[in-house]
Amino acid sequence: MGHVKTGLLLAAMTALFMVVGYAIGGQGGMLIALAIACATNLFAYWNADKMVLRMYGARQIDRATAPDFYDLVAELAQRAQLPMPKVFLIENAQPNAFATGRNPENAAVAATTGILRTLSRQELAGVMAHELAHVKNRDSLTMTITACLSGAIGMLASFAQMSVFFGGSRDRENPLGGIGLLLAALVAPLAAMLVQFAISRSREYEADRMGAEICGQPRWLASALAKISQGAAAIPNPEAEANPATAHLFIINPLHGGGMASLFSTHPSTQERITRLLAMQPASGGMRDEAFARPANPWDTGTSSEDRAASDAPGKAPRGTSRIPRSSDDARRGPWG
């Protein structure tokens, strides 16, 4: 079924390419757009994941460079019965993460340094389980291709705008004239955004559900979503702002746009996602809390001696353990105070 959905998506985006091409240059423009769409589809299938990772300056890590984070992903991948994905870090203060790759055998998961510093290891386990759920469902292929094609459609729309300013409406090959160019310039990006909107929201709910099953503790992901949402709202992500077509890849919308941008957000309500997660019963055989009480930050050697003493005391939860923050101050404080 995943292959069918991907095929339908590619067909829809290709058709949108052809419509824009027809608006710009008539039948000849439509044929050129079809050729561009086919080439873009092939490129996106084989290279879109690499392009997105390069776009965000992602750096691949291994057990030697970030052992705690790498081992966490490895354990979750084993529980999900997935091949070990490539693991990347992005130097970005905004807490966020995404998955990419054309299939589970060629998958990659990426997390920002901000998310490692913000979340406890338990919460980070919930986030990475969510991303591995996208890999398992093959969402990463569909979402990465959509990002690539949406960006290409945006470039075509920009070309249509330039055609309007430089007299393209008088081109005899353009049967719709200036009106057609304006429609291509305005409607095409909106249509691409609506495609992203349609494919992303239901996939996020499903990845939340499956991610909770993979780690066995829905509350870990629920707590993480609350913290990431507040962090993403407070901390800008310049790379995402420059490449908004990739926003739907992230676990939480990385963009700061309001108004219409919020109305057409590619992500469902964070509060609704948290509510659904907290309504789930912990899966049997889930990971124990203490198994993920170590620091998530690969550059952090651990908590202070006072924190370790508190963690070892009977009945005391380790500092940074997963819980829904009681206030916005709790969410900002992070696992290290």
C-alpha atoms as a PDB file:
ATOM      1  CA  MET A   1       0.000   0.000   0.000  1.00  0.00           C
ATOM      2  CA  GLY A   2       2.936   2.347   0.716  1.00  0.00           C
ATOM      3  CA  HIS A   3       4.165   1.962  -2.874  1.00  0.00           C
ATOM      4  CA  VAL A   4       0.671   2.780  -4.181  1.00  0.00           C
ATOM      5  CA  LYS A   5       0.504   5.970  -2.108  1.00  0.00           C
ATOM      6  CA  THR A   6       3.956   7.010  -3.250  1.00  0.00           C
ATOM      7  CA  GLY A   7       3.004   6.362  -6.880  1.00  0.00           C
ATOM      8  CA  LEU A   8      -0.169   8.426  -6.540  1.00  0.00           C
ATOM      9  CA  LEU A   9       1.803  11.243  -4.946  1.00  0.00           C
ATOM     10  CA  LEU A  10       4.350  11.244  -7.763  1.00  0.00           C
ATOM     11  CA  ALA A  11       1.536  11.252 -10.331  1.00  0.00           C
ATOM     12  CA  ALA A  12      -0.192  14.182  -8.622  1.00  0.00           C
ATOM     13  CA  MET A  13       2.978  16.231  -8.375  1.00  0.00           C
ATOM     14  CA  THR A  14       3.871  15.437 -12.000  1.00  0.00           C
ATOM     15  CA  ALA A  15       0.409  16.579 -13.108  1.00  0.00           C
ATOM     16  CA  LEU A  16       0.908  19.807 -11.170  1.00  0.00           C
ATOM     17  CA  PHE A  17       4.219  20.305 -12.964  1.00  0.00           C
ATOM     18  CA  MET A  18       2.467  19.898 -16.309  1.00  0.00           C
ATOM     19  CA  VAL A  19      -0.295  22.354 -15.405  1.00  0.00           C
ATOM     20  CA  VAL A  20       2.278  24.995 -14.471  1.00  0.00           C
ATOM     21  CA  GLY A  21       4.203  24.269 -17.670  1.00  0.00           C
ATOM     22  CA  TYR A  22       1.047  24.666 -19.756  1.00  0.00           C
ATOM     23  CA  ALA A  23       0.238  27.975 -18.029  1.00  0.00           C
ATOM     24  CA  ILE A  24       3.726  29.261 -18.813  1.00  0.00           C
ATOM     25  CA  GLY A  25       4.301  27.971 -22.342  1.00  0.00           C
ATOM     26  CA  GLY A  26       1.271  26.125 -23.669  1.00  0.00           C
ATOM     27  CA  GLN A  27       1.680  22.614 -25.066  1.00  0.00           C
ATOM     28  CA  GLY A  28       5.419  23.023 -25.518  1.00  0.00           C
ATOM     29  CA  GLY A  29       5.788  24.215 -21.960  1.00  0.00           C
ATOM     30  CA  MET A  30       3.731  21.282 -20.735  1.00  0.00           C
ATOM     31  CA  LEU A  31       6.031  18.799 -22.489  1.00  0.00           C
ATOM     32  CA  ILE A  32       9.101  20.505 -21.084  1.00  0.00           C
ATOM     33  CA  ALA A  33       7.546  20.453 -17.624  1.00  0.00           C
ATOM     34  CA  LEU A  34       6.796  16.732 -18.013  1.00  0.00           C
ATOM     35  CA  ALA A  35      10.433  16.062 -18.875  1.00  0.00           C
ATOM     36  CA  ILE A  36      11.567  18.121 -15.881  1.00  0.00           C
ATOM     37  CA  ALA A  37       9.087  16.317 -13.621  1.00  0.00           C
ATOM     38  CA  CYS A  38      10.315  12.875 -14.723  1.00  0.00           C
ATOM     39  CA  ALA A  39      13.929  13.874 -14.165  1.00  0.00           C
ATOM     40  CA  THR A  40      13.066  15.378 -10.788  1.00  0.00           C
ATOM     41  CA  ASN A  41      11.190  12.235  -9.731  1.00  0.00           C
ATOM     42  CA  LEU A  42      14.194  10.063 -10.567  1.00  0.00           C
ATOM     43  CA  PHE A  43      16.574  12.425  -8.832  1.00  0.00           C
ATOM     44  CA  ALA A  44      14.313  12.666  -5.775  1.00  0.00           C
ATOM     45  CA  TYR A  45      14.012   8.896  -5.446  1.00  0.00           C
ATOM     46  CA  TRP A  46      17.769   8.335  -5.421  1.00  0.00           C
ATOM     47  CA  ASN A  47      19.156  11.567  -3.999  1.00  0.00           C
ATOM     48  CA  ALA A  48      16.507  13.591  -2.126  1.00  0.00           C
ATOM     49  CA  ASP A  49      17.625  12.236   1.252  1.00  0.00           C
ATOM     50  CA  LYS A  50      21.235  13.266   0.651  1.00  0.00           C
ATOM     51  CA  MET A  51      20.111  16.671  -0.586  1.00  0.00           C
ATOM     52  CA  VAL A  52      17.996  17.335   2.518  1.00  0.00           C
ATOM     53  CA  LEU A  53      20.762  16.230   4.890  1.00  0.00           C
ATOM     54  CA  ARG A  54      23.257  18.441   3.047  1.00  0.00           C
ATOM     55  CA  MET A  55      20.783  21.318   3.152  1.00  0.00           C
ATOM     56  CA  TYR A  56      20.844  21.208   6.960  1.00  0.00           C
ATOM     57  CA  GLY A  57      24.578  20.585   7.259  1.00  0.00           C
ATOM     58  CA  ALA A  58      23.959  17.214   8.905  1.00  0.00           C
ATOM     59  CA  ARG A  59      27.041  15.357  10.127  1.00  0.00           C
ATOM     60  CA  GLN A  60      27.035  11.557  10.266  1.00  0.00           C
ATOM     61  CA  ILE A  61      28.024  10.053  13.616  1.00  0.00           C
ATOM     62  CA  ASP A  62      28.901   6.585  14.847  1.00  0.00           C
ATOM     63  CA  ARG A  63      29.466   4.856  18.157  1.00  0.00           C
ATOM     64  CA  ALA A  64      32.919   6.419  18.501  1.00  0.00           C
ATOM     65  CA  THR A  65      31.752  10.021  18.139  1.00  0.00           C
ATOM     66  CA  ALA A  66      28.422   9.899  20.051  1.00  0.00           C
ATOM     67  CA  PRO A  67      28.112   6.504  21.753  1.00  0.00           C
ATOM     68  CA  ASP A  68      25.091   7.202  23.951  1.00  0.00           C
ATOM     69  CA  PHE A  69      22.910   8.598  21.176  1.00  0.00           C
ATOM     70  CA  TYR A  70      24.068   6.034  18.625  1.00  0.00           C
ATOM     71  CA  ASP A  71      23.390   3.110  20.981  1.00  0.00           C
ATOM     72  CA  LEU A  72      19.950   4.501  21.791  1.00  0.00           C
ATOM     73  CA  VAL A  73      19.010   4.503  18.087  1.00  0.00           C
ATOM     74  CA  ALA A  74      20.507   1.025  17.669  1.00  0.00           C
ATOM     75  CA  GLU A  75      18.409  -0.407  20.492  1.00  0.00           C
ATOM     76  CA  LEU A  76      15.238   1.186  19.170  1.00  0.00           C
ATOM     77  CA  ALA A  77      15.947  -0.058  15.629  1.00  0.00           C
ATOM     78  CA  GLN A  78      16.362  -3.573  17.011  1.00  0.00           C
ATOM     79  CA  ARG A  79      13.056  -3.337  18.845  1.00  0.00           C
ATOM     80  CA  ALA A  80      11.394  -2.066  15.659  1.00  0.00           C
ATOM     81  CA  GLN A  81      12.969  -4.938  13.666  1.00  0.00           C
ATOM     82  CA  LEU A  82      14.641  -2.473  11.314  1.00  0.00           C
ATOM     83  CA  PRO A  83      18.152  -2.347   9.874  1.00  0.00           C
ATOM     84  CA  MET A  84      20.379   0.120  11.681  1.00  0.00           C
ATOM     85  CA  PRO A  85      19.858   3.512   9.989  1.00  0.00           C
ATOM     86  CA  LYS A  86      22.559   6.072   9.453  1.00  0.00           C
ATOM     87  CA  VAL A  87      22.563   8.598  12.292  1.00  0.00           C
ATOM     88  CA  PHE A  88      23.169  12.321  11.793  1.00  0.00           C
ATOM     89  CA  LEU A  89      23.531  15.363  14.013  1.00  0.00           C
ATOM     90  CA  ILE A  90      22.588  18.892  12.936  1.00  0.00           C
ATOM     91  CA  GLU A  91      24.248  21.869  14.596  1.00  0.00           C
ATOM     92  CA  ASN A  92      21.077  23.775  15.378  1.00  0.00           C
ATOM     93  CA  ALA A  93      19.803  25.132  18.695  1.00  0.00           C
ATOM     94  CA  GLN A  94      16.158  24.405  17.866  1.00  0.00           C
ATOM     95  CA  PRO A  95      15.039  21.042  19.305  1.00  0.00           C
ATOM     96  CA  ASN A  96      13.820  18.913  16.383  1.00  0.00           C
ATOM     97  CA  ALA A  97      14.390  15.700  14.420  1.00  0.00           C
ATOM     98  CA  PHE A  98      13.428  13.983  11.168  1.00  0.00           C
ATOM     99  CA  ALA A  99      13.878  10.761   9.188  1.00  0.00           C
ATOM    100  CA  THR A 100      14.714  10.359   5.521  1.00  0.00           C
ATOM    101  CA  GLY A 101      15.688   7.690   2.991  1.00  0.00           C
ATOM    102  CA  ARG A 102      14.023   5.750   0.182  1.00  0.00           C
ATOM    103  CA  ASN A 103      13.579   2.491   2.176  1.00  0.00           C
ATOM    104  CA  PRO A 104      14.486   0.964   5.559  1.00  0.00           C
ATOM    105  CA  GLU A 105      17.739  -0.379   4.122  1.00  0.00           C
ATOM    106  CA  ASN A 106      18.831   3.142   3.124  1.00  0.00           C
ATOM    107  CA  ALA A 107      17.290   5.157   5.928  1.00  0.00           C
ATOM    108  CA  ALA A 108      18.759   7.947   8.016  1.00  0.00           C
ATOM    109  CA  VAL A 109      17.594   9.683  11.170  1.00  0.00           C
ATOM    110  CA  ALA A 110      18.751  13.173  12.078  1.00  0.00           C
ATOM    111  CA  ALA A 111      18.496  15.111  15.331  1.00  0.00           C
ATOM    112  CA  THR A 112      19.544  18.637  16.182  1.00  0.00           C
ATOM    113  CA  THR A 113      22.051  19.331  18.914  1.00  0.00           C
ATOM    114  CA  GLY A 114      19.282  21.409  20.471  1.00  0.00           C
ATOM    115  CA  ILE A 115      17.072  18.388  21.006  1.00  0.00           C
ATOM    116  CA  LEU A 116      19.898  16.458  22.671  1.00  0.00           C
ATOM    117  CA  ARG A 117      20.398  19.302  25.128  1.00  0.00           C
ATOM    118  CA  THR A 118      16.667  19.803  25.776  1.00  0.00           C
ATOM    119  CA  LEU A 119      15.322  16.283  26.313  1.00  0.00           C
ATOM    120  CA  SER A 120      16.039  13.548  28.787  1.00  0.00           C
ATOM    121  CA  ARG A 121      17.260  10.274  27.332  1.00  0.00           C
ATOM    122  CA  GLN A 122      13.815   8.773  27.869  1.00  0.00           C
ATOM    123  CA  GLU A 123      12.139  11.571  25.930  1.00  0.00           C
ATOM    124  CA  LEU A 124      14.754  11.315  23.194  1.00  0.00           C
ATOM    125  CA  ALA A 125      13.981   7.591  22.954  1.00  0.00           C
ATOM    126  CA  GLY A 126      10.335   8.471  22.284  1.00  0.00           C
ATOM    127  CA  VAL A 127      11.319  10.934  19.554  1.00  0.00           C
ATOM    128  CA  MET A 128      13.678   8.550  17.780  1.00  0.00           C
ATOM    129  CA  ALA A 129      11.107   5.756  18.030  1.00  0.00           C
ATOM    130  CA  HIS A 130       8.686   8.117  16.250  1.00  0.00           C
ATOM    131  CA  GLU A 131      11.232   8.704  13.482  1.00  0.00           C
ATOM    132  CA  LEU A 132      11.891   4.978  13.128  1.00  0.00           C
ATOM    133  CA  ALA A 133       8.138   4.483  12.808  1.00  0.00           C
ATOM    134  CA  HIS A 134       8.256   6.772   9.758  1.00  0.00           C
ATOM    135  CA  VAL A 135      11.026   4.578   8.357  1.00  0.00           C
ATOM    136  CA  LYS A 136       9.087   1.388   9.055  1.00  0.00           C
ATOM    137  CA  ASN A 137       5.976   2.808   7.366  1.00  0.00           C
ATOM    138  CA  ARG A 138       8.130   4.067   4.453  1.00  0.00           C
ATOM    139  CA  ASP A 139       6.842   7.556   5.118  1.00  0.00           C
ATOM    140  CA  SER A 140      10.370   8.899   4.851  1.00  0.00           C
ATOM    141  CA  LEU A 141      10.439   8.208   1.101  1.00  0.00           C
ATOM    142  CA  THR A 142       7.110   9.914   0.448  1.00  0.00           C
ATOM    143  CA  MET A 143       7.860  12.898   2.670  1.00  0.00           C
ATOM    144  CA  THR A 144      11.367  13.437   1.302  1.00  0.00           C
ATOM    145  CA  ILE A 145      10.215  13.227  -2.316  1.00  0.00           C
ATOM    146  CA  THR A 146       7.406  15.662  -1.529  1.00  0.00           C
ATOM    147  CA  ALA A 147       9.927  18.115  -0.094  1.00  0.00           C
ATOM    148  CA  CYS A 148      12.057  17.882  -3.228  1.00  0.00           C
ATOM    149  CA  LEU A 149       9.163  18.237  -5.672  1.00  0.00           C
ATOM    150  CA  SER A 150       7.522  21.047  -3.708  1.00  0.00           C
ATOM    151  CA  GLY A 151      10.752  23.003  -3.910  1.00  0.00           C
ATOM    152  CA  ALA A 152      10.923  22.399  -7.663  1.00  0.00           C
ATOM    153  CA  ILE A 153       7.319  23.553  -8.101  1.00  0.00           C
ATOM    154  CA  GLY A 154       8.208  26.677  -6.142  1.00  0.00           C
ATOM    155  CA  MET A 155      11.015  27.377  -8.621  1.00  0.00           C
ATOM    156  CA  LEU A 156       8.605  26.983 -11.547  1.00  0.00           C
ATOM    157  CA  ALA A 157       6.228  29.399  -9.835  1.00  0.00           C
ATOM    158  CA  SER A 158       9.065  31.893  -9.457  1.00  0.00           C
ATOM    159  CA  PHE A 159       9.786  31.558 -13.171  1.00  0.00           C
ATOM    160  CA  ALA A 160       6.114  32.285 -13.871  1.00  0.00           C
ATOM    161  CA  GLN A 161       6.344  35.438 -11.764  1.00  0.00           C
ATOM    162  CA  MET A 162       9.398  36.569 -13.711  1.00  0.00           C
ATOM    163  CA  SER A 163       7.532  35.918 -16.957  1.00  0.00           C
ATOM    164  CA  VAL A 164       4.757  38.253 -15.830  1.00  0.00           C
ATOM    165  CA  PHE A 165       7.204  41.055 -15.042  1.00  0.00           C
ATOM    166  CA  PHE A 166       9.213  40.613 -18.249  1.00  0.00           C
ATOM    167  CA  GLY A 167       6.313  40.434 -20.669  1.00  0.00           C
ATOM    168  CA  GLY A 168       5.769  36.664 -20.817  1.00  0.00           C
ATOM    169  CA  SER A 169       2.042  37.221 -21.048  1.00  0.00           C
ATOM    170  CA  ARG A 170       2.497  38.288 -24.682  1.00  0.00           C
ATOM    171  CA  ASP A 171       4.075  34.940 -25.626  1.00  0.00           C
ATOM    172  CA  ARG A 172       1.946  33.316 -28.336  1.00  0.00           C
ATOM    173  CA  GLU A 173       2.765  29.918 -26.882  1.00  0.00           C
ATOM    174  CA  ASN A 174       1.020  30.876 -23.668  1.00  0.00           C
ATOM    175  CA  PRO A 175      -2.714  30.237 -24.331  1.00  0.00           C
ATOM    176  CA  LEU A 176      -3.830  31.680 -21.007  1.00  0.00           C
ATOM    177  CA  GLY A 177      -1.876  34.922 -21.176  1.00  0.00           C
ATOM    178  CA  GLY A 178      -1.022  36.870 -18.063  1.00  0.00           C
ATOM    179  CA  ILE A 179      -3.891  35.294 -16.113  1.00  0.00           C
ATOM    180  CA  GLY A 180      -2.385  31.857 -16.634  1.00  0.00           C
ATOM    181  CA  LEU A 181       1.012  33.029 -15.453  1.00  0.00           C
ATOM    182  CA  LEU A 182      -0.482  34.589 -12.364  1.00  0.00           C
ATOM    183  CA  LEU A 183      -2.385  31.392 -11.597  1.00  0.00           C
ATOM    184  CA  ALA A 184       0.797  29.376 -12.010  1.00  0.00           C
ATOM    185  CA  ALA A 185       2.704  31.764  -9.764  1.00  0.00           C
ATOM    186  CA  LEU A 186       0.078  31.830  -7.015  1.00  0.00           C
ATOM    187  CA  VAL A 187      -1.815  28.539  -7.174  1.00  0.00           C
ATOM    188  CA  ALA A 188       1.050  26.106  -7.787  1.00  0.00           C
ATOM    189  CA  PRO A 189       2.837  26.737  -4.446  1.00  0.00           C
ATOM    190  CA  LEU A 190      -0.520  26.596  -2.652  1.00  0.00           C
ATOM    191  CA  ALA A 191      -1.367  23.283  -4.320  1.00  0.00           C
ATOM    192  CA  ALA A 192       2.031  21.849  -3.365  1.00  0.00           C
ATOM    193  CA  MET A 193       1.493  22.997   0.207  1.00  0.00           C
ATOM    194  CA  LEU A 194      -1.934  21.349   0.317  1.00  0.00           C
ATOM    195  CA  VAL A 195      -0.394  18.076  -0.868  1.00  0.00           C
ATOM    196  CA  GLN A 196       2.083  18.294   2.001  1.00  0.00           C
ATOM    197  CA  PHE A 197      -0.776  19.141   4.351  1.00  0.00           C
ATOM    198  CA  ALA A 198      -2.754  16.088   3.214  1.00  0.00           C
ATOM    199  CA  ILE A 199       0.034  13.530   3.542  1.00  0.00           C
ATOM    200  CA  SER A 200       1.634  14.752   6.753  1.00  0.00           C
ATOM    201  CA  ARG A 201      -1.043  15.029   9.412  1.00  0.00           C
ATOM    202  CA  SER A 202      -2.337  11.452   9.309  1.00  0.00           C
ATOM    203  CA  ARG A 203       1.234  10.147   9.058  1.00  0.00           C
ATOM    204  CA  GLU A 204       2.263  12.010  12.204  1.00  0.00           C
ATOM    205  CA  TYR A 205      -0.561  10.473  14.242  1.00  0.00           C
ATOM    206  CA  GLU A 206       0.340   6.998  13.001  1.00  0.00           C
ATOM    207  CA  ALA A 207       4.056   7.525  13.665  1.00  0.00           C
ATOM    208  CA  ASP A 208       3.214   8.705  17.198  1.00  0.00           C
ATOM    209  CA  ARG A 209       1.196   5.548  17.815  1.00  0.00           C
ATOM    210  CA  MET A 210       3.788   3.194  16.373  1.00  0.00           C
ATOM    211  CA  GLY A 211       6.659   5.063  18.039  1.00  0.00           C
ATOM    212  CA  ALA A 212       4.960   4.637  21.403  1.00  0.00           C
ATOM    213  CA  GLU A 213       4.694   0.914  20.707  1.00  0.00           C
ATOM    214  CA  ILE A 214       8.366   0.685  19.714  1.00  0.00           C
ATOM    215  CA  CYS A 215       9.666   2.269  22.922  1.00  0.00           C
ATOM    216  CA  GLY A 216       6.768   0.943  24.998  1.00  0.00           C
ATOM    217  CA  GLN A 217       6.181   4.230  26.856  1.00  0.00           C
ATOM    218  CA  PRO A 218       3.727   6.696  25.224  1.00  0.00           C
ATOM    219  CA  ARG A 219       4.346   9.306  27.930  1.00  0.00           C
ATOM    220  CA  TRP A 220       8.011   9.644  26.901  1.00  0.00           C
ATOM    221  CA  LEU A 221       7.025  10.914  23.471  1.00  0.00           C
ATOM    222  CA  ALA A 222       4.167  12.999  24.910  1.00  0.00           C
ATOM    223  CA  SER A 223       6.573  14.786  27.245  1.00  0.00           C
ATOM    224  CA  ALA A 224       9.077  15.278  24.416  1.00  0.00           C
ATOM    225  CA  LEU A 225       6.448  16.820  22.119  1.00  0.00           C
ATOM    226  CA  ALA A 226       5.522  19.389  24.770  1.00  0.00           C
ATOM    227  CA  LYS A 227       9.146  20.456  25.197  1.00  0.00           C
ATOM    228  CA  ILE A 228       9.981  20.433  21.481  1.00  0.00           C
ATOM    229  CA  SER A 229       6.904  22.494  20.642  1.00  0.00           C
ATOM    230  CA  GLN A 230       7.872  25.202  23.122  1.00  0.00           C
ATOM    231  CA  GLY A 231      11.495  25.122  22.011  1.00  0.00           C
ATOM    232  CA  ALA A 232      10.634  25.315  18.312  1.00  0.00           C
ATOM    233  CA  ALA A 233       8.369  28.300  18.955  1.00  0.00           C
ATOM    234  CA  ALA A 234      11.115  30.144  20.830  1.00  0.00           C
ATOM    235  CA  ILE A 235      14.203  29.248  18.776  1.00  0.00           C
ATOM    236  CA  PRO A 236      14.423  29.988  15.017  1.00  0.00           C
ATOM    237  CA  ASN A 237      15.662  27.463  12.463  1.00  0.00           C
ATOM    238  CA  PRO A 238      17.236  29.532   9.660  1.00  0.00           C
ATOM    239  CA  GLU A 239      17.754  26.551   7.332  1.00  0.00           C
ATOM    240  CA  ALA A 240      14.109  25.543   7.621  1.00  0.00           C
ATOM    241  CA  GLU A 241      12.932  29.126   7.075  1.00  0.00           C
ATOM    242  CA  ALA A 242      15.028  29.221   3.896  1.00  0.00           C
ATOM    243  CA  ASN A 243      13.624  25.848   2.740  1.00  0.00           C
ATOM    244  CA  PRO A 244       9.982  25.744   3.934  1.00  0.00           C
ATOM    245  CA  ALA A 245       9.183  22.826   1.592  1.00  0.00           C
ATOM    246  CA  THR A 246      11.078  20.587   4.038  1.00  0.00           C
ATOM    247  CA  ALA A 247       9.098  21.654   7.129  1.00  0.00           C
ATOM    248  CA  HIS A 248       6.812  18.605   7.043  1.00  0.00           C
ATOM    249  CA  LEU A 249       9.798  16.288   7.549  1.00  0.00           C
ATOM    250  CA  PHE A 250      10.325  17.399  11.150  1.00  0.00           C
ATOM    251  CA  ILE A 251       8.552  15.946  14.179  1.00  0.00           C
ATOM    252  CA  ILE A 252       7.382  19.486  15.086  1.00  0.00           C
ATOM    253  CA  ASN A 253       6.889  22.327  12.603  1.00  0.00           C
ATOM    254  CA  PRO A 254      10.212  24.251  12.592  1.00  0.00           C
ATOM    255  CA  LEU A 255       8.781  27.411  11.006  1.00  0.00           C
ATOM    256  CA  HIS A 256       7.763  30.555  12.859  1.00  0.00           C
ATOM    257  CA  GLY A 257       5.106  31.769  10.417  1.00  0.00           C
ATOM    258  CA  GLY A 258       1.725  32.732  11.795  1.00  0.00           C
ATOM    259  CA  GLY A 259      -1.676  33.471  10.287  1.00  0.00           C
ATOM    260  CA  MET A 260      -2.188  31.523   7.078  1.00  0.00           C
ATOM    261  CA  ALA A 261       0.991  29.554   7.717  1.00  0.00           C
ATOM    262  CA  SER A 262      -0.528  28.250  10.938  1.00  0.00           C
ATOM    263  CA  LEU A 263      -3.840  27.535   9.223  1.00  0.00           C
ATOM    264  CA  PHE A 264      -2.134  25.357   6.609  1.00  0.00           C
ATOM    265  CA  SER A 265       0.431  23.833   8.964  1.00  0.00           C
ATOM    266  CA  THR A 266       1.679  20.446   7.819  1.00  0.00           C
ATOM    267  CA  HIS A 267       1.602  19.206  11.420  1.00  0.00           C
ATOM    268  CA  PRO A 268      -1.412  18.333  13.551  1.00  0.00           C
ATOM    269  CA  SER A 269      -2.065  20.030  16.869  1.00  0.00           C
ATOM    270  CA  THR A 270       0.655  19.180  19.366  1.00  0.00           C
ATOM    271  CA  GLN A 271      -1.868  19.145  22.200  1.00  0.00           C
ATOM    272  CA  GLU A 272      -4.036  16.672  20.289  1.00  0.00           C
ATOM    273  CA  ARG A 273      -1.024  14.440  19.695  1.00  0.00           C
ATOM    274  CA  ILE A 274      -0.152  14.552  23.401  1.00  0.00           C
ATOM    275  CA  THR A 275      -3.738  13.761  24.363  1.00  0.00           C
ATOM    276  CA  ARG A 276      -3.804  10.728  22.084  1.00  0.00           C
ATOM    277  CA  LEU A 277      -0.497   9.470  23.424  1.00  0.00           C
ATOM    278  CA  LEU A 278      -1.511   9.831  27.069  1.00  0.00           C
ATOM    279  CA  ALA A 279      -4.687   7.884  26.305  1.00  0.00           C
ATOM    280  CA  MET A 280      -2.624   4.898  25.208  1.00  0.00           C
ATOM    281  CA  GLN A 281      -1.809   2.139  27.667  1.00  0.00           C
ATOM    282  CA  PRO A 282       1.917   1.344  27.933  1.00  0.00           C
ATOM    283  CA  ALA A 283       2.778  -1.452  25.541  1.00  0.00           C
ATOM    284  CA  SER A 284       3.717  -4.767  27.103  1.00  0.00           C
ATOM    285  CA  GLY A 285       7.420  -5.423  27.147  1.00  0.00           C
ATOM    286  CA  GLY A 286       8.228  -1.730  27.004  1.00  0.00           C
ATOM    287  CA  MET A 287      11.560  -0.296  27.979  1.00  0.00           C
ATOM    288  CA  ARG A 288      12.077   0.391  31.657  1.00  0.00           C
ATOM    289  CA  ASP A 289      12.425   4.007  32.757  1.00  0.00           C
ATOM    290  CA  GLU A 290      15.823   3.434  34.354  1.00  0.00           C
ATOM    291  CA  ALA A 291      17.191   2.067  31.082  1.00  0.00           C
ATOM    292  CA  PHE A 292      16.986   5.582  29.638  1.00  0.00           C
ATOM    293  CA  ALA A 293      17.882   7.711  32.630  1.00  0.00           C
ATOM    294  CA  ARG A 294      21.391   8.485  31.361  1.00  0.00           C
ATOM    295  CA  PRO A 295      22.090  11.859  29.687  1.00  0.00           C
ATOM    296  CA  ALA A 296      21.022  12.163  26.070  1.00  0.00           C
ATOM    297  CA  ASN A 297      23.665  14.771  25.203  1.00  0.00           C
ATOM    298  CA  PRO A 298      26.725  12.981  23.767  1.00  0.00           C
ATOM    299  CA  TRP A 299      28.951  15.890  24.902  1.00  0.00           C
ATOM    300  CA  ASP A 300      27.627  15.844  28.472  1.00  0.00           C
ATOM    301  CA  THR A 301      29.376  13.614  31.008  1.00  0.00           C
ATOM    302  CA  GLY A 302      26.344  13.364  33.229  1.00  0.00           C
ATOM    303  CA  THR A 303      24.502  15.126  36.001  1.00  0.00           C
ATOM    304  CA  SER A 304      26.033  16.706  39.059  1.00  0.00           C
ATOM    305  CA  SER A 305      26.865  14.734  42.187  1.00  0.00           C
ATOM    306  CA  GLU A 306      23.776  16.164  43.887  1.00  0.00           C
ATOM    307  CA  ASP A 307      21.583  15.043  41.000  1.00  0.00           C
ATOM    308  CA  ARG A 308      23.111  11.564  40.991  1.00  0.00           C
ATOM    309  CA  ALA A 309      22.523  11.263  44.717  1.00  0.00           C
ATOM    310  CA  ALA A 310      18.905  12.311  44.274  1.00  0.00           C
ATOM    311  CA  SER A 311      18.497   9.831  41.443  1.00  0.00           C
ATOM    312  CA  ASP A 312      19.859   6.987  43.572  1.00  0.00           C
ATOM    313  CA  ALA A 313      17.621   7.771  46.517  1.00  0.00           C
ATOM    314  CA  PRO A 314      14.665   5.347  46.937  1.00  0.00           C
ATOM    315  CA  GLY A 315      11.480   6.666  45.429  1.00  0.00           C
ATOM    316  CA  LYS A 316      13.245   9.539  43.693  1.00  0.00           C
ATOM    317  CA  ALA A 317      12.970   9.911  39.929  1.00  0.00           C
ATOM    318  CA  PRO A 318      16.204  10.894  38.182  1.00  0.00           C
ATOM    319  CA  ARG A 319      16.412  14.471  37.094  1.00  0.00           C
ATOM    320  CA  GLY A 320      15.306  14.833  33.456  1.00  0.00           C
ATOM    321  CA  THR A 321      13.021  11.804  33.469  1.00  0.00           C
ATOM    322  CA  SER A 322      10.047  12.031  31.175  1.00  0.00           C
ATOM    323  CA  ARG A 323       6.934  13.773  32.355  1.00  0.00           C
ATOM    324  CA  ILE A 324       4.588  16.352  30.915  1.00  0.00           C
ATOM    325  CA  PRO A 325       5.998  19.685  32.130  1.00  0.00           C
ATOM    326  CA  ARG A 326       3.796  21.294  34.762  1.00  0.00           C
ATOM    327  CA  SER A 327       4.522  24.754  33.404  1.00  0.00           C
ATOM    328  CA  SER A 328       6.322  26.537  30.625  1.00  0.00           C
ATOM    329  CA  ASP A 329       9.254  27.072  33.005  1.00  0.00           C
ATOM    330  CA  ASP A 330       9.617  23.297  33.402  1.00  0.00           C
ATOM    331  CA  ALA A 331       9.745  22.894  29.627  1.00  0.00           C
ATOM    332  CA  ARG A 332      12.417  25.550  29.222  1.00  0.00           C
ATOM    333  CA  ARG A 333      14.595  24.209  32.014  1.00  0.00           C
ATOM    334  CA  GLY A 334      15.582  20.995  30.212  1.00  0.00           C
ATOM    335  CA  PRO A 335      17.078  17.865  31.746  1.00  0.00           C
ATOM    336  CA  TRP A 336      20.213  19.615  33.021  1.00  0.00           C
ATOM    337  CA  GLY A 337      18.467  22.445  34.862  1.00  0.00           C
END
